Amino acid sequence: MSTFILMTTLSSQGLGDPHKREHIGRAWFETVKTKCPEVKWIEHYALLGPFDFMDIFEAPNEEVAAKVSMITMSLGAVKAETWAAIPYQRFVKIASTL
């Protein structure tokens, strides 16, 4: 499994009623879980800055990670970026072969 970071920005309409935010987020999560059952969720953060949310997850390949991003966009995100993440010790091992 590879690690991916999903950075999401919602429109003001996408953020919705603050009192319903948890319900909206749970519905998104359930949709992704149903359509991508092989994804393992590591963490979910709400952010202050240019992105609203950051999700860290593991997926078997880039195609599944792209599907998570596409589902996110289809459910109201105005921007969703998915980044591959390499664990630091693995990165150091790769760098030592240069």
Protein backbone atom coordinates (compact mmCIF):
# COMPACT_ATOMS: atom_id res chain seq x y z
CA MET A 1 0.00 0.00 0.00
CA SER A 2 1.18 3.50 -0.81
CA THR A 3 0.47 6.61 1.25
CA PHE A 4 -1.40 9.56 -0.24
CA ILE A 5 -2.35 13.03 0.97
CA LEU A 6 -5.66 14.52 -0.21
CA MET A 7 -5.85 18.31 0.07
CA THR A 8 -9.38 19.66 -0.37
CA THR A 9 -10.89 23.12 -0.75
CA LEU A 10 -14.65 23.57 -0.59
CA SER A 11 -16.75 26.46 -1.82
CA SER A 12 -18.64 28.47 0.78
CA GLN A 13 -21.75 26.54 -0.35
CA GLY A 14 -19.79 23.29 -0.08
CA LEU A 15 -18.92 24.03 3.52
CA GLY A 16 -22.64 24.33 4.11
CA ASP A 17 -24.38 25.06 7.36
CA PRO A 18 -21.74 24.74 10.12
CA HIS A 19 -24.23 22.76 12.20
CA LYS A 20 -24.53 20.18 9.40
CA ARG A 21 -20.80 19.97 8.58
CA GLU A 22 -20.30 16.70 10.45
CA HIS A 23 -23.21 15.08 8.57
CA ILE A 24 -21.87 16.28 5.20
CA GLY A 25 -18.38 15.00 6.04
CA ARG A 26 -19.71 11.64 7.21
CA ALA A 27 -21.73 11.25 3.98
CA TRP A 28 -18.56 11.94 1.93
CA PHE A 29 -16.60 9.42 4.00
CA GLU A 30 -19.28 6.73 3.61
CA THR A 31 -19.40 7.26 -0.17
CA VAL A 32 -15.62 6.92 -0.48
CA LYS A 33 -15.62 3.90 1.84
CA THR A 34 -18.32 2.19 -0.24
CA LYS A 35 -16.69 2.90 -3.61
CA CYS A 36 -13.09 2.37 -2.45
CA PRO A 37 -13.21 -0.29 0.29
CA GLU A 38 -9.50 -1.03 -0.12
CA VAL A 39 -8.54 2.44 1.16
CA LYS A 40 -7.18 2.59 4.71
CA TRP A 41 -7.74 5.95 6.42
CA ILE A 42 -4.87 7.26 8.54
CA GLU A 43 -6.01 10.74 9.59
CA HIS A 44 -8.36 13.62 8.74
CA TYR A 45 -7.59 17.27 9.57
CA ALA A 46 -9.50 20.53 9.19
CA LEU A 47 -7.02 23.25 8.22
CA LEU A 48 -6.52 26.98 8.45
CA GLY A 49 -5.00 28.19 5.19
CA PRO A 50 -5.50 27.69 1.46
CA PHE A 51 -7.01 24.20 1.92
CA ASP A 52 -9.97 23.30 4.14
CA PHE A 53 -9.13 19.64 4.80
CA MET A 54 -6.22 17.22 4.64
CA ASP A 55 -6.73 13.48 4.57
CA ILE A 56 -3.95 10.93 4.87
CA PHE A 57 -4.77 7.49 3.52
CA GLU A 58 -3.24 4.36 2.09
CA ALA A 59 -4.32 2.91 -1.25
CA PRO A 60 -3.02 0.03 -3.32
CA ASN A 61 -2.21 2.26 -6.33
CA GLU A 62 -2.58 5.66 -7.97
CA GLU A 63 -5.81 4.69 -9.71
CA VAL A 64 -7.61 4.14 -6.40
CA ALA A 65 -6.15 7.39 -5.02
CA ALA A 66 -7.40 9.21 -8.12
CA LYS A 67 -10.85 7.71 -7.56
CA VAL A 68 -10.91 9.15 -4.02
CA SER A 69 -10.05 12.56 -5.47
CA MET A 70 -12.70 12.30 -8.20
CA ILE A 71 -15.37 11.31 -5.67
CA THR A 72 -14.36 14.32 -3.57
CA MET A 73 -14.71 16.65 -6.55
CA SER A 74 -18.06 15.12 -7.51
CA LEU A 75 -19.40 15.82 -4.01
CA GLY A 76 -18.70 19.55 -3.98
CA ALA A 77 -14.99 20.23 -3.61
CA VAL A 78 -13.80 23.09 -5.81
CA LYS A 79 -10.24 21.81 -5.57
CA ALA A 80 -8.80 18.43 -4.64
CA GLU A 81 -5.11 17.63 -4.94
CA THR A 82 -3.75 14.17 -4.26
CA TRP A 83 -0.07 13.81 -3.46
CA ALA A 84 1.97 10.62 -3.16
CA ALA A 85 3.87 10.55 0.15
CA ILE A 86 7.04 8.58 0.85
CA PRO A 87 7.85 7.68 4.46
CA TYR A 88 10.98 9.57 5.50
CA GLN A 89 13.14 6.51 6.24
CA ARG A 90 12.29 5.08 2.83
CA PHE A 91 13.18 8.43 1.24
CA VAL A 92 16.57 8.38 3.01
CA LYS A 93 17.19 4.84 1.74
CA ILE A 94 16.35 5.93 -1.83
CA ALA A 95 18.62 8.97 -1.51
CA SER A 96 21.51 6.83 -0.29
CA THR A 97 21.51 4.96 -3.61
CA LEU A 98 22.26 8.11 -5.64
